[in-house]
Protein backbone atom coordinates (compact mmCIF):
# COMPACT_ATOMS: atom_id res chain seq x y z
CA MET A 1 -46.30 29.71 60.98
CA LYS A 2 -43.30 32.24 60.23
CA THR A 3 -40.94 30.21 62.25
CA LEU A 4 -41.78 26.99 59.55
CA ILE A 5 -41.43 29.38 57.14
CA TYR A 6 -37.60 30.55 58.05
CA LEU A 7 -36.51 26.79 58.92
CA PHE A 8 -37.99 24.89 55.53
CA PRO A 9 -35.10 26.71 53.42
CA LEU A 10 -32.43 25.91 55.76
CA PHE A 11 -34.26 22.04 55.67
CA LEU A 12 -33.81 21.92 51.91
CA ILE A 13 -30.24 23.27 52.40
CA SER A 14 -29.34 20.64 54.54
CA CYS A 15 -30.79 17.81 52.69
CA THR A 16 -28.80 19.21 49.39
CA VAL A 17 -25.54 19.89 50.70
CA THR A 18 -22.52 18.08 48.15
CA GLN A 19 -19.69 16.34 49.82
CA LYS A 20 -16.59 15.80 47.38
CA VAL A 21 -13.75 13.30 47.45
CA ILE A 22 -10.73 15.23 47.78
CA TYR A 23 -7.77 15.68 50.39
CA LYS A 24 -4.81 17.63 50.25
CA THR A 25 -1.71 16.31 48.40
CA ASP A 26 0.63 19.15 48.91
CA ASP A 27 1.80 17.49 51.91
CA LEU A 28 2.97 14.55 50.37
CA SER A 29 6.95 13.44 50.28
CA VAL A 30 8.60 12.08 48.08
CA GLN A 31 12.40 10.75 48.66
CA PRO A 32 14.97 12.32 45.33
CA SER A 33 15.94 8.51 44.91
CA VAL A 34 12.09 7.06 44.34
CA ARG A 35 11.40 5.21 41.05
CA THR A 36 9.72 6.51 38.38
CA TYR A 37 8.41 4.94 35.46
CA PRO A 38 9.53 6.72 32.13
CA ILE A 39 5.48 6.15 30.94
CA ARG A 40 2.56 8.39 30.48
CA VAL A 41 -0.65 6.89 32.19
CA GLU A 42 -4.13 7.65 32.14
CA VAL A 43 -6.13 6.62 35.46
CA ARG A 44 -9.15 5.52 33.65
CA ILE A 45 -12.46 5.85 35.43
CA LEU A 46 -13.34 2.86 37.85
CA THR A 47 -16.04 0.75 37.02
CA ASP A 48 -18.17 1.46 39.95
CA ASN A 49 -19.29 -2.12 41.66
CA ARG A 50 -20.34 -0.47 45.34
CA ALA A 51 -24.03 -1.38 44.82
CA HIS A 52 -23.65 -4.79 44.38
CA ILE A 53 -22.10 -5.57 47.33
CA ASP A 54 -24.13 -6.26 50.42
CA GLU A 55 -21.92 -4.30 52.99
CA ASN A 56 -22.33 -1.15 50.50
CA LYS A 57 -25.84 -1.47 49.99
CA ILE A 58 -26.56 0.49 53.24
CA LEU A 59 -24.71 3.55 51.63
CA PHE A 60 -27.03 3.93 48.78
CA SER A 61 -30.50 3.30 50.67
CA ASP A 62 -29.61 5.08 53.95
CA PRO A 63 -29.08 8.63 55.02
CA ARG A 64 -25.98 9.57 56.65
CA GLN A 65 -27.16 9.36 60.43
CA THR A 66 -28.82 5.92 60.47
CA THR A 67 -28.92 3.24 62.77
CA LEU A 68 -26.14 0.62 62.40
CA ASN A 69 -25.93 -2.57 64.37
CA GLY A 70 -28.88 -1.17 67.17
CA LYS A 71 -26.40 1.91 67.32
CA LYS A 72 -26.86 5.54 66.17
CA SER A 73 -24.24 5.92 63.58
CA CYS A 74 -22.80 7.72 60.54
CA ILE A 75 -22.45 6.93 56.69
CA ASN A 76 -21.04 8.76 54.12
CA SER A 77 -24.51 8.10 52.32
CA GLU A 78 -24.51 8.17 48.57
CA GLN A 79 -27.11 10.58 49.16
CA HIS A 80 -24.85 13.32 49.46
CA TYR A 81 -22.15 12.43 46.37
CA LYS A 82 -23.44 13.87 43.12
CA PRO A 83 -24.81 11.02 40.92
CA ASP A 84 -21.99 8.68 39.53
CA SER A 85 -19.69 11.24 40.75
CA VAL A 86 -17.47 8.94 43.59
CA VAL A 87 -15.85 6.39 40.94
CA SER A 88 -14.78 9.94 38.88
CA GLN A 89 -13.49 11.58 41.96
CA VAL A 90 -11.68 8.91 43.21
CA SER A 91 -9.93 8.16 39.98
CA ARG A 92 -9.12 11.80 39.63
CA MET A 93 -7.30 11.44 43.35
CA ILE A 94 -5.39 8.66 42.69
CA ALA A 95 -4.32 10.44 39.20
CA GLU A 96 -3.55 13.61 41.32
CA HIS A 97 -1.64 11.24 43.86
CA PHE A 98 0.38 9.04 41.25
CA ASN A 99 1.54 12.67 40.33
CA LYS A 100 2.36 14.02 43.43
CA ALA A 101 4.30 10.54 44.39
CA ARG A 102 5.92 10.26 40.87
CA LEU A 103 5.22 6.64 39.86
CA PHE A 104 5.03 7.76 36.27
CA ASN A 105 6.83 10.14 33.99
CA LEU A 106 2.98 11.45 33.91
CA SER A 107 -0.49 10.54 34.68
CA PHE A 108 -4.01 11.90 33.15
CA TYR A 109 -7.13 11.29 34.72
CA ASN A 110 -9.08 9.32 32.27
CA GLN A 111 -8.13 9.99 28.90
CA SER A 112 -5.46 12.09 27.11
CA PRO A 113 -3.89 12.05 23.65
CA TYR A 114 -0.39 12.69 24.99
CA SER A 115 -0.20 9.51 26.74
CA GLY A 116 0.89 5.91 26.03
CA TYR A 117 -0.58 3.88 28.38
CA TYR A 118 -3.93 3.47 30.36
CA LEU A 119 -4.58 1.87 33.87
CA THR A 120 -7.92 -0.13 34.58
CA GLY A 121 -9.95 -0.75 37.73
CA THR A 122 -13.40 -1.65 39.75
CA LEU A 123 -14.16 0.36 42.57
CA ASN A 124 -15.77 -2.57 45.35
CA SER A 125 -15.59 -0.33 48.25
CA PHE A 126 -15.97 3.13 49.44
CA TYR A 127 -17.65 2.44 52.79
CA GLY A 128 -17.54 4.40 56.31
CA GLN A 129 -19.19 4.39 59.07
CA GLN A 130 -18.89 5.60 62.73
CA GLU A 131 -20.61 5.95 66.28
CA PHE A 132 -22.58 8.73 66.35
CA SER A 133 -21.00 11.38 69.10
CA THR A 134 -23.74 12.10 71.73
CA GLY A 135 -21.13 14.63 73.09
CA ALA A 136 -20.57 16.26 70.10
CA LEU A 137 -24.20 17.13 69.78
CA ILE A 138 -24.69 18.76 73.27
CA GLY A 139 -21.19 20.80 72.82
CA ALA A 140 -22.98 22.11 69.22
CA GLN A 141 -25.68 23.15 71.65
CA PHE A 142 -23.38 25.21 73.38
CA GLY A 143 -21.99 27.14 70.02
CA VAL A 144 -18.52 28.27 69.65
CA VAL A 145 -17.36 27.56 73.43
CA GLY A 146 -19.12 24.23 73.31
CA ALA A 147 -17.58 23.27 69.72
CA ILE A 148 -14.07 23.98 71.13
CA ALA A 149 -14.70 21.72 74.04
CA THR A 150 -15.66 18.87 72.31
CA SER A 151 -12.90 19.63 69.41
CA GLY A 152 -11.51 16.19 70.53
CA LEU A 153 -13.77 13.57 70.71
CA LYS A 154 -13.50 10.53 68.46
CA THR A 155 -15.98 7.54 68.02
CA PRO A 156 -14.94 4.08 66.73
CA GLY A 157 -15.38 3.56 63.19
CA LYS A 158 -14.55 1.32 60.10
CA ILE A 159 -13.27 2.24 56.59
CA ILE A 160 -12.99 -0.36 53.64
CA ILE A 161 -11.72 0.86 50.32
CA GLU A 162 -11.43 -1.56 47.68
CA ILE A 163 -9.99 -1.50 44.10
CA ALA A 164 -10.21 -4.69 41.82
CA ASP A 165 -8.93 -5.56 38.73
CA MET A 166 -6.47 -3.38 38.16
CA LYS A 167 -4.96 -3.80 34.94
CA LEU A 168 -2.53 -1.92 33.01
CA TYR A 169 -2.31 -1.57 29.56
CA ARG A 170 -0.40 -0.04 26.07
CA LYS A 171 -2.55 2.16 24.34
CA ASP A 172 -3.05 -0.14 21.60
CA GLY A 173 -4.61 -2.30 24.18
CA THR A 174 -1.79 -4.95 24.58
CA LEU A 175 -2.04 -6.15 28.53
CA ILE A 176 1.17 -4.47 30.30
CA LYS A 177 0.33 -5.81 33.94
CA ASP A 178 -2.61 -7.14 35.87
CA LEU A 179 -1.92 -5.40 39.07
CA GLY A 180 -5.16 -7.68 40.73
CA ASN A 181 -6.73 -6.28 43.85
CA PHE A 182 -5.64 -3.88 46.58
CA TYR A 183 -7.68 -3.84 50.00
CA LYS A 184 -7.26 -2.08 52.80
CA GLU A 185 -9.68 -1.77 55.94
CA TYR A 186 -9.45 0.69 58.74
CA GLU A 187 -10.88 0.23 62.56
CA GLU A 188 -10.03 3.00 64.90
CA ASP A 189 -11.67 5.88 66.50
CA LEU A 190 -12.24 8.82 64.12
CA PRO A 191 -12.71 12.35 64.54
CA VAL A 192 -16.65 13.39 65.07
CA ASP A 193 -19.09 16.29 64.48
CA ALA A 194 -22.75 16.84 65.28
CA SER A 195 -24.37 16.45 62.24
CA CYS A 196 -22.25 13.29 60.71
CA TRP A 197 -20.23 15.13 58.01
CA CYS A 198 -17.33 14.06 59.90
CA ILE A 199 -17.50 10.61 57.69
CA TYR A 200 -16.89 12.09 54.59
CA SER A 201 -13.71 13.56 55.62
CA ASN A 202 -12.49 10.54 57.41
CA VAL A 203 -13.09 8.59 54.45
CA ASN A 204 -11.23 10.82 52.62
CA GLU A 205 -8.31 10.86 54.55
CA LYS A 206 -7.95 7.36 54.42
CA LEU A 207 -8.18 7.48 50.88
CA LYS A 208 -5.14 9.60 51.03
CA ASP A 209 -3.33 6.72 53.25
CA PHE A 210 -5.32 4.28 50.48
CA ASN A 211 -3.53 5.62 47.36
CA SER A 212 -0.14 6.01 49.11
CA HIS A 213 -0.01 2.24 49.37
CA LEU A 214 -1.56 1.95 45.96
CA VAL A 215 1.26 4.04 44.51
CA GLU A 216 3.97 1.47 46.38
CA LYS A 217 2.16 -1.84 45.40
CA ILE A 218 2.11 -0.31 41.63
CA ARG A 219 5.76 0.22 41.93
CA THR A 220 6.58 -2.80 43.65
CA ASP A 221 4.29 -4.69 41.09
CA LEU A 222 6.06 -3.34 37.86
CA ALA A 223 9.86 -3.68 38.84
CA ASP A 224 10.18 -6.55 36.24
CA VAL A 225 8.54 -4.97 33.51
CA THR A 226 10.46 -3.27 30.81
CA PHE A 227 9.33 -0.17 29.44
CA GLU A 228 10.61 0.69 26.04
């Protein structure tokens, strides 16, 4: 009975671990000659459309360790994000990435009295899956030595990120540019762990790549726009 009493709090802790949408931006490199648009832009919190897309529904119904296409798999289950936090955290990272990439003079998260423009969009996908690693699970049973021995393991995975209906407006509501949709799908071997937390960090790392490409798309799309 004592064993059950000791294990019960651990079970509760493992079920309430909160995952964040975050990555380092300090290592983002920017060429001195890069074009910076002379405006201040709010990155408004994206509209969340993920639950209405069939492929995403498993993220809202299943735990992070599940069975997908007959295989034990890891998914970035919504269970471990705070309610309604994914779109706000993705939006915050976009604003931070824009600032590091010097896309605009200044980018703000959500709303600011100091901005003259705002960017809107819809998050259609923030989806990650990868095969569960039996090797990592076995390694974890041997403590630090086992973890080191299996640290380089990877399993096949797929990550999809899509932001749709992106638009840049002047603060008075005038549409400046319809930036359309931006979609990237990654299919490759991804780092693993024994408990499926890995898929959350793997999705975050791909968001970093996604946002780097998003910066270049927007920079190109705005090339024909004159800002007063």
